[in-house]
Amino acid sequence: MITMKKILGKLILIVVLTTSGTSLFAQAGPPEPPGDPNADGGPVGGNAPIGSGLAILLTLGAAYGGRKVYQYWQSQKKELED
């Protein structure tokens, strides 16, 4: 049986977590504008490399696809044996 104390406690917790999260967004100022790429400020899009992240993403996608193909092959193999 759920008591009124439990319901009230959960309701207070939800209200506190909801309101504290929205007040945190207002404390950050806008980011600094990027530097001029012609004046040694770096590239316009930043200098974060995407090559290694892309390779990891493609490898994980290929592994996931291979697993799905293997699972399908196993299910078809079992159906042919039955």
PDB file of N, CA and C in Angstrom:
ATOM      1  N   MET A   1       0.840  -1.177   0.000  1.00  0.00           N
ATOM      2  CA  MET A   1       0.000   0.000   0.000  1.00  0.00           C
ATOM      3  C   MET A   1       0.890   1.247   0.000  1.00  0.00           C
ATOM      4  N   ILE A   2       0.598   2.166  -0.859  1.00  0.00           N
ATOM      5  CA  ILE A   2       1.383   3.386  -0.973  1.00  0.00           C
ATOM      6  C   ILE A   2       0.816   4.410   0.012  1.00  0.00           C
ATOM      7  N   THR A   3       1.704   4.949   0.797  1.00  0.00           N
ATOM      8  CA  THR A   3       1.255   5.927   1.783  1.00  0.00           C
ATOM      9  C   THR A   3       1.384   7.330   1.234  1.00  0.00           C
ATOM     10  N   MET A   4       0.715   8.247   1.918  1.00  0.00           N
ATOM     11  CA  MET A   4       0.745   9.639   1.507  1.00  0.00           C
ATOM     12  C   MET A   4       2.143  10.227   1.657  1.00  0.00           C
ATOM     13  N   LYS A   5       2.917   9.743   2.649  1.00  0.00           N
ATOM     14  CA  LYS A   5       4.281  10.238   2.851  1.00  0.00           C
ATOM     15  C   LYS A   5       5.153   9.930   1.643  1.00  0.00           C
ATOM     16  N   LYS A   6       5.031   8.714   1.111  1.00  0.00           N
ATOM     17  CA  LYS A   6       5.843   8.322  -0.046  1.00  0.00           C
ATOM     18  C   LYS A   6       5.489   9.157  -1.271  1.00  0.00           C
ATOM     19  N   ILE A   7       4.204   9.360  -1.468  1.00  0.00           N
ATOM     20  CA  ILE A   7       3.771  10.148  -2.623  1.00  0.00           C
ATOM     21  C   ILE A   7       4.250  11.587  -2.491  1.00  0.00           C
ATOM     22  N   LEU A   8       4.103  12.165  -1.298  1.00  0.00           N
ATOM     23  CA  LEU A   8       4.535  13.533  -1.082  1.00  0.00           C
ATOM     24  C   LEU A   8       6.052  13.654  -1.222  1.00  0.00           C
ATOM     25  N   GLY A   9       6.798  12.688  -0.723  1.00  0.00           N
ATOM     26  CA  GLY A   9       8.254  12.710  -0.843  1.00  0.00           C
ATOM     27  C   GLY A   9       8.704  12.649  -2.291  1.00  0.00           C
ATOM     28  N   LYS A  10       8.090  11.783  -3.062  1.00  0.00           N
ATOM     29  CA  LYS A  10       8.438  11.679  -4.484  1.00  0.00           C
ATOM     30  C   LYS A  10       8.066  12.948  -5.240  1.00  0.00           C
ATOM     31  N   LEU A  11       6.931  13.532  -4.906  1.00  0.00           N
ATOM     32  CA  LEU A  11       6.500  14.755  -5.557  1.00  0.00           C
ATOM     33  C   LEU A  11       7.458  15.906  -5.256  1.00  0.00           C
ATOM     34  N   ILE A  12       7.883  16.021  -4.017  1.00  0.00           N
ATOM     35  CA  ILE A  12       8.840  17.066  -3.655  1.00  0.00           C
ATOM     36  C   ILE A  12      10.164  16.854  -4.367  1.00  0.00           C
ATOM     37  N   LEU A  13      10.621  15.615  -4.431  1.00  0.00           N
ATOM     38  CA  LEU A  13      11.872  15.305  -5.125  1.00  0.00           C
ATOM     39  C   LEU A  13      11.790  15.679  -6.609  1.00  0.00           C
ATOM     40  N   ILE A  14      10.699  15.361  -7.245  1.00  0.00           N
ATOM     41  CA  ILE A  14      10.533  15.684  -8.670  1.00  0.00           C
ATOM     42  C   ILE A  14      10.522  17.201  -8.880  1.00  0.00           C
ATOM     43  N   VAL A  15       9.827  17.932  -8.013  1.00  0.00           N
ATOM     44  CA  VAL A  15       9.766  19.386  -8.147  1.00  0.00           C
ATOM     45  C   VAL A  15      11.147  20.005  -7.952  1.00  0.00           C
ATOM     46  N   VAL A  16      11.890  19.534  -6.948  1.00  0.00           N
ATOM     47  CA  VAL A  16      13.219  20.084  -6.678  1.00  0.00           C
ATOM     48  C   VAL A  16      14.168  19.800  -7.844  1.00  0.00           C
ATOM     49  N   LEU A  17      14.159  18.574  -8.352  1.00  0.00           N
ATOM     50  CA  LEU A  17      15.053  18.246  -9.455  1.00  0.00           C
ATOM     51  C   LEU A  17      14.692  19.006 -10.730  1.00  0.00           C
ATOM     52  N   THR A  18      13.426  19.190 -10.968  1.00  0.00           N
ATOM     53  CA  THR A  18      13.000  19.911 -12.165  1.00  0.00           C
ATOM     54  C   THR A  18      13.387  21.384 -12.102  1.00  0.00           C
ATOM     55  N   THR A  19      13.141  22.018 -10.977  1.00  0.00           N
ATOM     56  CA  THR A  19      13.446  23.439 -10.879  1.00  0.00           C
ATOM     57  C   THR A  19      14.933  23.716 -10.775  1.00  0.00           C
ATOM     58  N   SER A  20      15.694  22.823 -10.172  1.00  0.00           N
ATOM     59  CA  SER A  20      17.134  23.079 -10.060  1.00  0.00           C
ATOM     60  C   SER A  20      17.819  22.950 -11.415  1.00  0.00           C
ATOM     61  N   GLY A  21      17.346  22.094 -12.263  1.00  0.00           N
ATOM     62  CA  GLY A  21      17.945  21.932 -13.581  1.00  0.00           C
ATOM     63  C   GLY A  21      17.712  23.127 -14.483  1.00  0.00           C
ATOM     64  N   THR A  22      16.554  23.732 -14.403  1.00  0.00           N
ATOM     65  CA  THR A  22      16.272  24.879 -15.259  1.00  0.00           C
ATOM     66  C   THR A  22      17.030  26.125 -14.812  1.00  0.00           C
ATOM     67  N   SER A  23      17.319  26.247 -13.527  1.00  0.00           N
ATOM     68  CA  SER A  23      18.052  27.424 -13.077  1.00  0.00           C
ATOM     69  C   SER A  23      19.530  27.330 -13.440  1.00  0.00           C
ATOM     70  N   LEU A  24      20.039  26.156 -13.638  1.00  0.00           N
ATOM     71  CA  LEU A  24      21.445  26.002 -13.993  1.00  0.00           C
ATOM     72  C   LEU A  24      21.732  26.456 -15.421  1.00  0.00           C
ATOM     73  N   PHE A  25      20.764  26.363 -16.305  1.00  0.00           N
ATOM     74  CA  PHE A  25      20.975  26.778 -17.683  1.00  0.00           C
ATOM     75  C   PHE A  25      21.188  28.279 -17.800  1.00  0.00           C
ATOM     76  N   ALA A  26      20.592  29.048 -16.916  1.00  0.00           N
ATOM     77  CA  ALA A  26      20.648  30.499 -17.007  1.00  0.00           C
ATOM     78  C   ALA A  26      21.980  31.074 -16.521  1.00  0.00           C
ATOM     79  N   GLN A  27      22.843  30.280 -15.916  1.00  0.00           N
ATOM     80  CA  GLN A  27      24.062  30.801 -15.343  1.00  0.00           C
ATOM     81  C   GLN A  27      25.206  30.882 -16.343  1.00  0.00           C
ATOM     82  N   ALA A  28      25.127  30.210 -17.435  1.00  0.00           N
ATOM     83  CA  ALA A  28      26.219  30.205 -18.408  1.00  0.00           C
ATOM     84  C   ALA A  28      26.031  31.352 -19.407  1.00  0.00           C
ATOM     85  N   GLY A  29      27.119  32.038 -19.696  1.00  0.00           N
ATOM     86  CA  GLY A  29      27.086  33.116 -20.677  1.00  0.00           C
ATOM     87  C   GLY A  29      27.294  32.550 -22.073  1.00  0.00           C
ATOM     88  N   PRO A  30      27.189  33.380 -23.079  1.00  0.00           N
ATOM     89  CA  PRO A  30      27.392  32.895 -24.445  1.00  0.00           C
ATOM     90  C   PRO A  30      28.867  32.555 -24.677  1.00  0.00           C
ATOM     91  N   PRO A  31      29.136  31.605 -25.558  1.00  0.00           N
ATOM     92  CA  PRO A  31      30.529  31.249 -25.832  1.00  0.00           C
ATOM     93  C   PRO A  31      31.252  32.355 -26.589  1.00  0.00           C
ATOM     94  N   GLU A  32      32.556  32.349 -26.499  1.00  0.00           N
ATOM     95  CA  GLU A  32      33.375  33.320 -27.223  1.00  0.00           C
ATOM     96  C   GLU A  32      33.299  33.035 -28.722  1.00  0.00           C
ATOM     97  N   PRO A  33      33.299  34.056 -29.548  1.00  0.00           N
ATOM     98  CA  PRO A  33      33.279  33.810 -30.990  1.00  0.00           C
ATOM     99  C   PRO A  33      34.607  33.191 -31.436  1.00  0.00           C
ATOM    100  N   PRO A  34      34.578  32.390 -32.497  1.00  0.00           N
ATOM    101  CA  PRO A  34      35.826  31.777 -32.961  1.00  0.00           C
ATOM    102  C   PRO A  34      36.793  32.828 -33.504  1.00  0.00           C
ATOM    103  N   GLY A  35      38.066  32.498 -33.438  1.00  0.00           N
ATOM    104  CA  GLY A  35      39.083  33.428 -33.936  1.00  0.00           C
ATOM    105  C   GLY A  35      39.085  33.518 -35.446  1.00  0.00           C
ATOM    106  N   ASP A  36      39.741  34.508 -35.939  1.00  0.00           N
ATOM    107  CA  ASP A  36      39.858  34.700 -37.380  1.00  0.00           C
ATOM    108  C   ASP A  36      40.843  33.675 -37.928  1.00  0.00           C
ATOM    109  N   PRO A  37      40.444  32.841 -38.891  1.00  0.00           N
ATOM    110  CA  PRO A  37      41.361  31.826 -39.402  1.00  0.00           C
ATOM    111  C   PRO A  37      42.576  32.422 -40.123  1.00  0.00           C
ATOM    112  N   ASN A  38      42.451  33.651 -40.600  1.00  0.00           N
ATOM    113  CA  ASN A  38      43.573  34.271 -41.300  1.00  0.00           C
ATOM    114  C   ASN A  38      44.600  34.866 -40.339  1.00  0.00           C
ATOM    115  N   ALA A  39      44.248  35.008 -39.057  1.00  0.00           N
ATOM    116  CA  ALA A  39      45.153  35.634 -38.090  1.00  0.00           C
ATOM    117  C   ALA A  39      45.580  34.615 -37.033  1.00  0.00           C
ATOM    118  N   ASP A  40      45.965  33.412 -37.442  1.00  0.00           N
ATOM    119  CA  ASP A  40      46.401  32.333 -36.550  1.00  0.00           C
ATOM    120  C   ASP A  40      45.360  32.006 -35.489  1.00  0.00           C
ATOM    121  N   GLY A  41      44.108  32.098 -35.830  1.00  0.00           N
ATOM    122  CA  GLY A  41      43.042  31.787 -34.893  1.00  0.00           C
ATOM    123  C   GLY A  41      42.558  30.355 -35.008  1.00  0.00           C
ATOM    124  N   GLY A  42      43.099  29.620 -35.922  1.00  0.00           N
ATOM    125  CA  GLY A  42      42.653  28.243 -36.119  1.00  0.00           C
ATOM    126  C   GLY A  42      41.572  28.168 -37.172  1.00  0.00           C
ATOM    127  N   PRO A  43      41.202  26.987 -37.576  1.00  0.00           N
ATOM    128  CA  PRO A  43      40.168  26.841 -38.596  1.00  0.00           C
ATOM    129  C   PRO A  43      38.811  27.297 -38.078  1.00  0.00           C
ATOM    130  N   VAL A  44      37.921  27.628 -38.989  1.00  0.00           N
ATOM    131  CA  VAL A  44      36.617  28.167 -38.637  1.00  0.00           C
ATOM    132  C   VAL A  44      35.799  27.140 -37.865  1.00  0.00           C
ATOM    133  N   GLY A  45      35.834  25.909 -38.252  1.00  0.00           N
ATOM    134  CA  GLY A  45      35.043  24.877 -37.592  1.00  0.00           C
ATOM    135  C   GLY A  45      35.689  24.323 -36.350  1.00  0.00           C
ATOM    136  N   GLY A  46      36.764  24.877 -35.902  1.00  0.00           N
ATOM    137  CA  GLY A  46      37.480  24.312 -34.765  1.00  0.00           C
ATOM    138  C   GLY A  46      38.531  23.339 -35.262  1.00  0.00           C
ATOM    139  N   ASN A  47      39.279  22.779 -34.376  1.00  0.00           N
ATOM    140  CA  ASN A  47      40.308  21.844 -34.811  1.00  0.00           C
ATOM    141  C   ASN A  47      40.138  20.491 -34.145  1.00  0.00           C
ATOM    142  N   ALA A  48      38.898  20.014 -34.047  1.00  0.00           N
ATOM    143  CA  ALA A  48      38.624  18.687 -33.524  1.00  0.00           C
ATOM    144  C   ALA A  48      38.663  17.692 -34.686  1.00  0.00           C
ATOM    145  N   PRO A  49      39.499  16.655 -34.595  1.00  0.00           N
ATOM    146  CA  PRO A  49      39.567  15.683 -35.673  1.00  0.00           C
ATOM    147  C   PRO A  49      38.333  14.781 -35.684  1.00  0.00           C
ATOM    148  N   ILE A  50      37.807  14.490 -36.868  1.00  0.00           N
ATOM    149  CA  ILE A  50      36.658  13.590 -36.953  1.00  0.00           C
ATOM    150  C   ILE A  50      37.034  12.268 -37.601  1.00  0.00           C
ATOM    151  N   GLY A  51      38.252  12.141 -38.066  1.00  0.00           N
ATOM    152  CA  GLY A  51      38.651  10.926 -38.770  1.00  0.00           C
ATOM    153  C   GLY A  51      38.604   9.690 -37.904  1.00  0.00           C
ATOM    154  N   SER A  52      39.165   9.726 -36.695  1.00  0.00           N
ATOM    155  CA  SER A  52      39.191   8.538 -35.857  1.00  0.00           C
ATOM    156  C   SER A  52      37.800   8.207 -35.334  1.00  0.00           C
ATOM    157  N   GLY A  53      37.001   9.216 -35.032  1.00  0.00           N
ATOM    158  CA  GLY A  53      35.632   8.968 -34.582  1.00  0.00           C
ATOM    159  C   GLY A  53      34.796   8.338 -35.675  1.00  0.00           C
ATOM    160  N   LEU A  54      35.017   8.764 -36.891  1.00  0.00           N
ATOM    161  CA  LEU A  54      34.296   8.196 -38.019  1.00  0.00           C
ATOM    162  C   LEU A  54      34.686   6.741 -38.233  1.00  0.00           C
ATOM    163  N   ALA A  55      35.966   6.435 -38.079  1.00  0.00           N
ATOM    164  CA  ALA A  55      36.420   5.041 -38.233  1.00  0.00           C
ATOM    165  C   ALA A  55      35.819   4.153 -37.156  1.00  0.00           C
ATOM    166  N   ILE A  56      35.755   4.647 -35.934  1.00  0.00           N
ATOM    167  CA  ILE A  56      35.154   3.865 -34.853  1.00  0.00           C
ATOM    168  C   ILE A  56      33.671   3.638 -35.126  1.00  0.00           C
ATOM    169  N   LEU A  57      32.975   4.674 -35.577  1.00  0.00           N
ATOM    170  CA  LEU A  57      31.554   4.553 -35.874  1.00  0.00           C
ATOM    171  C   LEU A  57      31.301   3.545 -36.992  1.00  0.00           C
ATOM    172  N   LEU A  58      32.099   3.589 -38.036  1.00  0.00           N
ATOM    173  CA  LEU A  58      31.935   2.642 -39.141  1.00  0.00           C
ATOM    174  C   LEU A  58      32.242   1.212 -38.700  1.00  0.00           C
ATOM    175  N   THR A  59      33.272   1.038 -37.854  1.00  0.00           N
ATOM    176  CA  THR A  59      33.619  -0.294 -37.362  1.00  0.00           C
ATOM    177  C   THR A  59      32.499  -0.861 -36.499  1.00  0.00           C
ATOM    178  N   LEU A  60      31.957  -0.048 -35.605  1.00  0.00           N
ATOM    179  CA  LEU A  60      30.854  -0.525 -34.771  1.00  0.00           C
ATOM    180  C   LEU A  60      29.615  -0.840 -35.601  1.00  0.00           C
ATOM    181  N   GLY A  61      29.346  -0.037 -36.614  1.00  0.00           N
ATOM    182  CA  GLY A  61      28.214  -0.305 -37.489  1.00  0.00           C
ATOM    183  C   GLY A  61      28.385  -1.603 -38.266  1.00  0.00           C
ATOM    184  N   ALA A  62      29.608  -1.862 -38.742  1.00  0.00           N
ATOM    185  CA  ALA A  62      29.872  -3.106 -39.461  1.00  0.00           C
ATOM    186  C   ALA A  62      29.751  -4.311 -38.529  1.00  0.00           C
ATOM    187  N   ALA A  63      30.228  -4.167 -37.287  1.00  0.00           N
ATOM    188  CA  ALA A  63      30.111  -5.263 -36.326  1.00  0.00           C
ATOM    189  C   ALA A  63      28.647  -5.538 -35.992  1.00  0.00           C
ATOM    190  N   TYR A  64      27.866  -4.496 -35.815  1.00  0.00           N
ATOM    191  CA  TYR A  64      26.438  -4.669 -35.532  1.00  0.00           C
ATOM    192  C   TYR A  64      25.725  -5.335 -36.704  1.00  0.00           C
ATOM    193  N   GLY A  65      26.026  -4.885 -37.927  1.00  0.00           N
ATOM    194  CA  GLY A  65      25.420  -5.496 -39.106  1.00  0.00           C
ATOM    195  C   GLY A  65      25.829  -6.945 -39.268  1.00  0.00           C
ATOM    196  N   GLY A  66      27.104  -7.249 -39.003  1.00  0.00           N
ATOM    197  CA  GLY A  66      27.570  -8.625 -39.077  1.00  0.00           C
ATOM    198  C   GLY A  66      26.880  -9.514 -38.058  1.00  0.00           C
ATOM    199  N   ARG A  67      26.658  -8.989 -36.868  1.00  0.00           N
ATOM    200  CA  ARG A  67      25.968  -9.754 -35.828  1.00  0.00           C
ATOM    201  C   ARG A  67      24.531 -10.046 -36.249  1.00  0.00           C
ATOM    202  N   LYS A  68      23.863  -9.049 -36.826  1.00  0.00           N
ATOM    203  CA  LYS A  68      22.483  -9.249 -37.269  1.00  0.00           C
ATOM    204  C   LYS A  68      22.406 -10.281 -38.399  1.00  0.00           C
ATOM    205  N   VAL A  69      23.357 -10.236 -39.313  1.00  0.00           N
ATOM    206  CA  VAL A  69      23.386 -11.221 -40.402  1.00  0.00           C
ATOM    207  C   VAL A  69      23.623 -12.609 -39.836  1.00  0.00           C
ATOM    208  N   TYR A  70      24.543 -12.721 -38.878  1.00  0.00           N
ATOM    209  CA  TYR A  70      24.829 -14.019 -38.256  1.00  0.00           C
ATOM    210  C   TYR A  70      23.605 -14.551 -37.518  1.00  0.00           C
ATOM    211  N   GLN A  71      22.884 -13.692 -36.790  1.00  0.00           N
ATOM    212  CA  GLN A  71      21.682 -14.124 -36.090  1.00  0.00           C
ATOM    213  C   GLN A  71      20.614 -14.582 -37.076  1.00  0.00           C
ATOM    214  N   TYR A  72      20.478 -13.880 -38.178  1.00  0.00           N
ATOM    215  CA  TYR A  72      19.506 -14.278 -39.199  1.00  0.00           C
ATOM    216  C   TYR A  72      19.907 -15.614 -39.813  1.00  0.00           C
ATOM    217  N   TRP A  73      21.178 -15.787 -40.068  1.00  0.00           N
ATOM    218  CA  TRP A  73      21.671 -17.036 -40.641  1.00  0.00           C
ATOM    219  C   TRP A  73      21.418 -18.199 -39.681  1.00  0.00           C
ATOM    220  N   GLN A  74      21.642 -17.984 -38.391  1.00  0.00           N
ATOM    221  CA  GLN A  74      21.400 -19.025 -37.397  1.00  0.00           C
ATOM    222  C   GLN A  74      19.914 -19.379 -37.331  1.00  0.00           C
ATOM    223  N   SER A  75      19.028 -18.378 -37.406  1.00  0.00           N
ATOM    224  CA  SER A  75      17.596 -18.658 -37.351  1.00  0.00           C
ATOM    225  C   SER A  75      17.142 -19.422 -38.591  1.00  0.00           C
ATOM    226  N   GLN A  76      17.703 -19.090 -39.751  1.00  0.00           N
ATOM    227  CA  GLN A  76      17.348 -19.808 -40.971  1.00  0.00           C
ATOM    228  C   GLN A  76      17.879 -21.241 -40.926  1.00  0.00           C
ATOM    229  N   LYS A  77      19.057 -21.420 -40.340  1.00  0.00           N
ATOM    230  CA  LYS A  77      19.651 -22.748 -40.212  1.00  0.00           C
ATOM    231  C   LYS A  77      18.778 -23.636 -39.320  1.00  0.00           C
ATOM    232  N   LYS A  78      18.259 -23.081 -38.237  1.00  0.00           N
ATOM    233  CA  LYS A  78      17.410 -23.848 -37.336  1.00  0.00           C
ATOM    234  C   LYS A  78      16.087 -24.199 -38.005  1.00  0.00           C
ATOM    235  N   GLU A  79      15.534 -23.290 -38.801  1.00  0.00           N
ATOM    236  CA  GLU A  79      14.281 -23.564 -39.493  1.00  0.00           C
ATOM    237  C   GLU A  79      14.455 -24.654 -40.542  1.00  0.00           C
ATOM    238  N   LEU A  80      15.609 -24.702 -41.206  1.00  0.00           N
ATOM    239  CA  LEU A  80      15.846 -25.739 -42.204  1.00  0.00           C
ATOM    240  C   LEU A  80      16.057 -27.099 -41.549  1.00  0.00           C
ATOM    241  N   GLU A  81      16.617 -27.112 -40.338  1.00  0.00           N
ATOM    242  CA  GLU A  81      16.835 -28.371 -39.647  1.00  0.00           C
ATOM    243  C   GLU A  81      15.520 -28.963 -39.126  1.00  0.00           C
ATOM    244  N   ASP A  82      14.545 -28.086 -38.819  1.00  0.00           N
ATOM    245  CA  ASP A  82      13.257 -28.570 -38.285  1.00  0.00           C
ATOM    246  C   ASP A  82      12.382 -29.091 -39.355  1.00  0.00           C
TER     247      ASP A  82
END
